[in-house]
C-alpha atoms as a PDB file:
ATOM      1  CA  LEU A   1      45.533  33.044 -23.862  1.00  0.00           C
ATOM      2  CA  GLN A   2      44.478  34.840 -20.670  1.00  0.00           C
ATOM      3  CA  HIS A   3      41.100  33.044 -20.838  1.00  0.00           C
ATOM      4  CA  PHE A   4      42.624  29.712 -21.792  1.00  0.00           C
ATOM      5  CA  TYR A   5      39.918  27.738 -20.006  1.00  0.00           C
ATOM      6  CA  LEU A   6      37.427  29.117 -22.540  1.00  0.00           C
ATOM      7  CA  LEU A   7      39.480  28.317 -25.605  1.00  0.00           C
ATOM      8  CA  PRO A   8      38.714  25.156 -27.528  1.00  0.00           C
ATOM      9  CA  ILE A   9      41.819  23.075 -28.127  1.00  0.00           C
ATOM     10  CA  LEU A  10      42.311  21.090 -31.285  1.00  0.00           C
ATOM     11  CA  LEU A  11      43.048  17.574 -30.191  1.00  0.00           C
ATOM     12  CA  LEU A  12      44.760  15.791 -33.038  1.00  0.00           C
ATOM     13  CA  ILE A  13      46.858  13.030 -31.572  1.00  0.00           C
ATOM     14  CA  THR A  14      45.912   9.778 -29.871  1.00  0.00           C
ATOM     15  CA  TYR A  15      47.080   9.323 -26.321  1.00  0.00           C
ATOM     16  CA  PHE A  16      50.702   8.296 -25.978  1.00  0.00           C
ATOM     17  CA  TYR A  17      52.271   7.367 -22.706  1.00  0.00           C
ATOM     18  CA  VAL A  18      55.986   7.943 -22.436  1.00  0.00           C
ATOM     19  CA  SER A  19      57.252   7.493 -18.899  1.00  0.00           C
ATOM     20  CA  GLY A  20      60.346   9.207 -17.654  1.00  0.00           C
ATOM     21  CA  ALA A  21      60.780  11.612 -20.560  1.00  0.00           C
ATOM     22  CA  ASP A  22      63.771  13.776 -19.734  1.00  0.00           C
ATOM     23  CA  SER A  23      62.905  17.325 -20.702  1.00  0.00           C
ATOM     24  CA  SER A  24      65.650  18.925 -18.624  1.00  0.00           C
ATOM     25  CA  ARG A  25      68.218  19.225 -21.422  1.00  0.00           C
ATOM     26  CA  ILE A  26      68.287  21.137 -24.676  1.00  0.00           C
ATOM     27  CA  ILE A  27      71.088  20.171 -27.061  1.00  0.00           C
ATOM     28  CA  GLY A  28      72.095  22.617 -29.771  1.00  0.00           C
ATOM     29  CA  GLY A  29      69.262  24.980 -28.877  1.00  0.00           C
ATOM     30  CA  ARG A  30      69.384  28.713 -28.289  1.00  0.00           C
ATOM     31  CA  ASP A  31      67.307  31.168 -26.325  1.00  0.00           C
ATOM     32  CA  ALA A  32      64.556  32.977 -28.205  1.00  0.00           C
ATOM     33  CA  ALA A  33      63.835  36.609 -27.459  1.00  0.00           C
ATOM     34  CA  PRO A  34      60.442  37.207 -25.819  1.00  0.00           C
ATOM     35  CA  HIS A  35      57.658  37.602 -28.420  1.00  0.00           C
ATOM     36  CA  SER A  36      60.015  36.643 -31.285  1.00  0.00           C
ATOM     37  CA  LEU A  37      57.954  33.504 -32.030  1.00  0.00           C
ATOM     38  CA  PRO A  38      54.377  34.822 -31.871  1.00  0.00           C
ATOM     39  CA  TYR A  39      52.851  31.499 -32.947  1.00  0.00           C
ATOM     40  CA  MET A  40      54.345  29.509 -30.038  1.00  0.00           C
ATOM     41  CA  ALA A  41      52.218  28.813 -26.970  1.00  0.00           C
ATOM     42  CA  SER A  42      52.932  27.401 -23.542  1.00  0.00           C
ATOM     43  CA  VAL A  43      49.825  25.595 -22.320  1.00  0.00           C
ATOM     44  CA  GLN A  44      49.813  26.177 -18.562  1.00  0.00           C
ATOM     45  CA  LEU A  45      47.764  25.314 -15.502  1.00  0.00           C
ATOM     46  CA  GLN A  46      48.176  27.474 -12.407  1.00  0.00           C
ATOM     47  CA  GLY A  47      51.270  29.056 -13.952  1.00  0.00           C
ATOM     48  CA  ARG A  48      53.026  25.726 -14.622  1.00  0.00           C
ATOM     49  CA  HIS A  49      53.912  24.571 -18.137  1.00  0.00           C
ATOM     50  CA  LEU A  50      51.989  21.454 -19.255  1.00  0.00           C
ATOM     51  CA  CYS A  51      53.049  21.267 -22.898  1.00  0.00           C
ATOM     52  CA  GLY A  52      53.721  23.316 -25.985  1.00  0.00           C
ATOM     53  CA  GLY A  53      51.344  24.422 -28.688  1.00  0.00           C
ATOM     54  CA  ALA A  54      50.991  26.607 -31.755  1.00  0.00           C
ATOM     55  CA  LEU A  55      48.515  29.429 -32.228  1.00  0.00           C
ATOM     56  CA  VAL A  56      46.566  28.705 -35.399  1.00  0.00           C
ATOM     57  CA  ARG A  57      44.216  31.603 -34.748  1.00  0.00           C
ATOM     58  CA  GLU A  58      43.995  34.202 -31.985  1.00  0.00           C
ATOM     59  CA  ASP A  59      41.572  31.979 -30.051  1.00  0.00           C
ATOM     60  CA  PHE A  60      42.773  28.467 -31.060  1.00  0.00           C
ATOM     61  CA  VAL A  61      45.794  26.460 -29.917  1.00  0.00           C
ATOM     62  CA  LEU A  62      46.963  23.382 -31.833  1.00  0.00           C
ATOM     63  CA  THR A  63      48.476  20.894 -29.392  1.00  0.00           C
ATOM     64  CA  ALA A  64      48.775  17.216 -28.501  1.00  0.00           C
ATOM     65  CA  ALA A  65      45.806  15.225 -27.221  1.00  0.00           C
ATOM     66  CA  HIS A  66      47.638  14.180 -24.053  1.00  0.00           C
ATOM     67  CA  CYS A  67      48.312  17.780 -23.083  1.00  0.00           C
ATOM     68  CA  GLU A  68      46.232  17.691 -19.894  1.00  0.00           C
ATOM     69  CA  THR A  69      48.967  16.230 -17.693  1.00  0.00           C
ATOM     70  CA  ARG A  70      52.540  17.280 -16.924  1.00  0.00           C
ATOM     71  CA  GLY A  71      55.636  15.399 -17.972  1.00  0.00           C
ATOM     72  CA  TYR A  72      55.541  15.517 -21.747  1.00  0.00           C
ATOM     73  CA  GLY A  73      58.177  18.253 -22.204  1.00  0.00           C
ATOM     74  CA  ASP A  74      57.828  19.870 -25.624  1.00  0.00           C
ATOM     75  CA  SER A  75      55.001  17.577 -26.638  1.00  0.00           C
ATOM     76  CA  GLY A  76      52.245  19.460 -28.443  1.00  0.00           C
ATOM     77  CA  GLY A  77      54.650  22.044 -29.811  1.00  0.00           C
ATOM     78  CA  PRO A  78      54.866  22.673 -33.538  1.00  0.00           C
ATOM     79  CA  LEU A  79      57.389  21.461 -36.069  1.00  0.00           C
ATOM     80  CA  VAL A  80      57.881  24.646 -38.116  1.00  0.00           C
ATOM     81  CA  CYS A  81      59.281  24.619 -41.665  1.00  0.00           C
ATOM     82  CA  ASP A  82      59.835  27.938 -43.448  1.00  0.00           C
ATOM     83  CA  GLY A  83      57.445  29.666 -41.040  1.00  0.00           C
ATOM     84  CA  ASP A  84      54.591  27.159 -41.508  1.00  0.00           C
ATOM     85  CA  ALA A  85      53.456  24.539 -38.997  1.00  0.00           C
ATOM     86  CA  ALA A  86      54.166  21.148 -40.570  1.00  0.00           C
ATOM     87  CA  GLY A  87      53.774  18.858 -37.575  1.00  0.00           C
ATOM     88  CA  VAL A  88      52.969  18.507 -33.886  1.00  0.00           C
ATOM     89  CA  ILE A  89      55.342  16.809 -31.463  1.00  0.00           C
ATOM     90  CA  SER A  90      53.621  13.559 -30.459  1.00  0.00           C
ATOM     91  CA  PHE A  91      56.290  12.421 -28.027  1.00  0.00           C
ATOM     92  CA  SER A  92      59.995  12.801 -27.388  1.00  0.00           C
ATOM     93  CA  GLY A  93      62.657  10.267 -26.689  1.00  0.00           C
ATOM     94  CA  ARG A  94      63.889   9.590 -23.188  1.00  0.00           C
ATOM     95  CA  ARG A  95      66.859  11.916 -23.666  1.00  0.00           C
ATOM     96  CA  CYS A  96      66.786  15.074 -25.726  1.00  0.00           C
ATOM     97  CA  GLY A  97      69.071  14.790 -28.747  1.00  0.00           C
ATOM     98  CA  ASP A  98      69.633  11.040 -28.397  1.00  0.00           C
ATOM     99  CA  PRO A  99      69.486   9.446 -31.889  1.00  0.00           C
ATOM    100  CA  GLN A 100      68.488   6.127 -30.282  1.00  0.00           C
ATOM    101  CA  THR A 101      65.244   7.700 -28.987  1.00  0.00           C
ATOM    102  CA  PRO A 102      64.089  10.174 -31.655  1.00  0.00           C
ATOM    103  CA  ASP A 103      61.225  12.645 -31.396  1.00  0.00           C
ATOM    104  CA  VAL A 104      58.003  11.624 -33.146  1.00  0.00           C
ATOM    105  CA  TYR A 105      55.754  14.107 -34.954  1.00  0.00           C
ATOM    106  CA  THR A 106      52.240  13.959 -36.393  1.00  0.00           C
ATOM    107  CA  ARG A 107      51.991  15.388 -39.922  1.00  0.00           C
ATOM    108  CA  ILE A 108      49.203  17.969 -39.673  1.00  0.00           C
ATOM    109  CA  SER A 109      48.686  18.198 -43.438  1.00  0.00           C
ATOM    110  CA  SER A 110      46.801  14.906 -43.092  1.00  0.00           C
ATOM    111  CA  PHE A 111      44.305  16.743 -40.860  1.00  0.00           C
ATOM    112  CA  ARG A 112      44.139  20.045 -42.773  1.00  0.00           C
ATOM    113  CA  ALA A 113      40.506  19.682 -43.937  1.00  0.00           C
ATOM    114  CA  TRP A 114      39.373  18.783 -40.421  1.00  0.00           C
ATOM    115  CA  ILE A 115      41.343  21.667 -38.877  1.00  0.00           C
ATOM    116  CA  GLN A 116      39.795  24.103 -41.383  1.00  0.00           C
ATOM    117  CA  ARG A 117      36.302  22.780 -40.615  1.00  0.00           C
ATOM    118  CA  VAL A 118      36.789  23.195 -36.857  1.00  0.00           C
ATOM    119  CA  LEU A 119      38.149  26.713 -37.295  1.00  0.00           C
ATOM    120  CA  ASN A 120      35.331  27.713 -39.661  1.00  0.00           C
ATOM    121  CA  ASP A 121      32.622  26.269 -37.390  1.00  0.00           C
ATOM    122  CA  ASN A 122      33.896  28.142 -34.344  1.00  0.00           C
END
């Protein structure tokens, strides 16, 4: 990721605008040891976190389409089931862990053929 500006990003999700998303709280979470989740990526600009992502290949990051601006918290990060990416966070509720404002994911299996084509062509 040191040459991130050269890496093509898979843009899978239409633009969502969620104002005031509170990404300052994590409920029921736990710290992960450095390098313990080698598929996780922090998409950054000038050292500041923009959004999450998942490495689908050494030179490809799967993330949300709106990942070019700050304020989307974990948006773009993967939903991982049994070690496999199953979804991408589209947007989060206003408050982390609030059942009245749930997180919304995009099911990436619907885009598997397209993802494979992009990876194979690059």
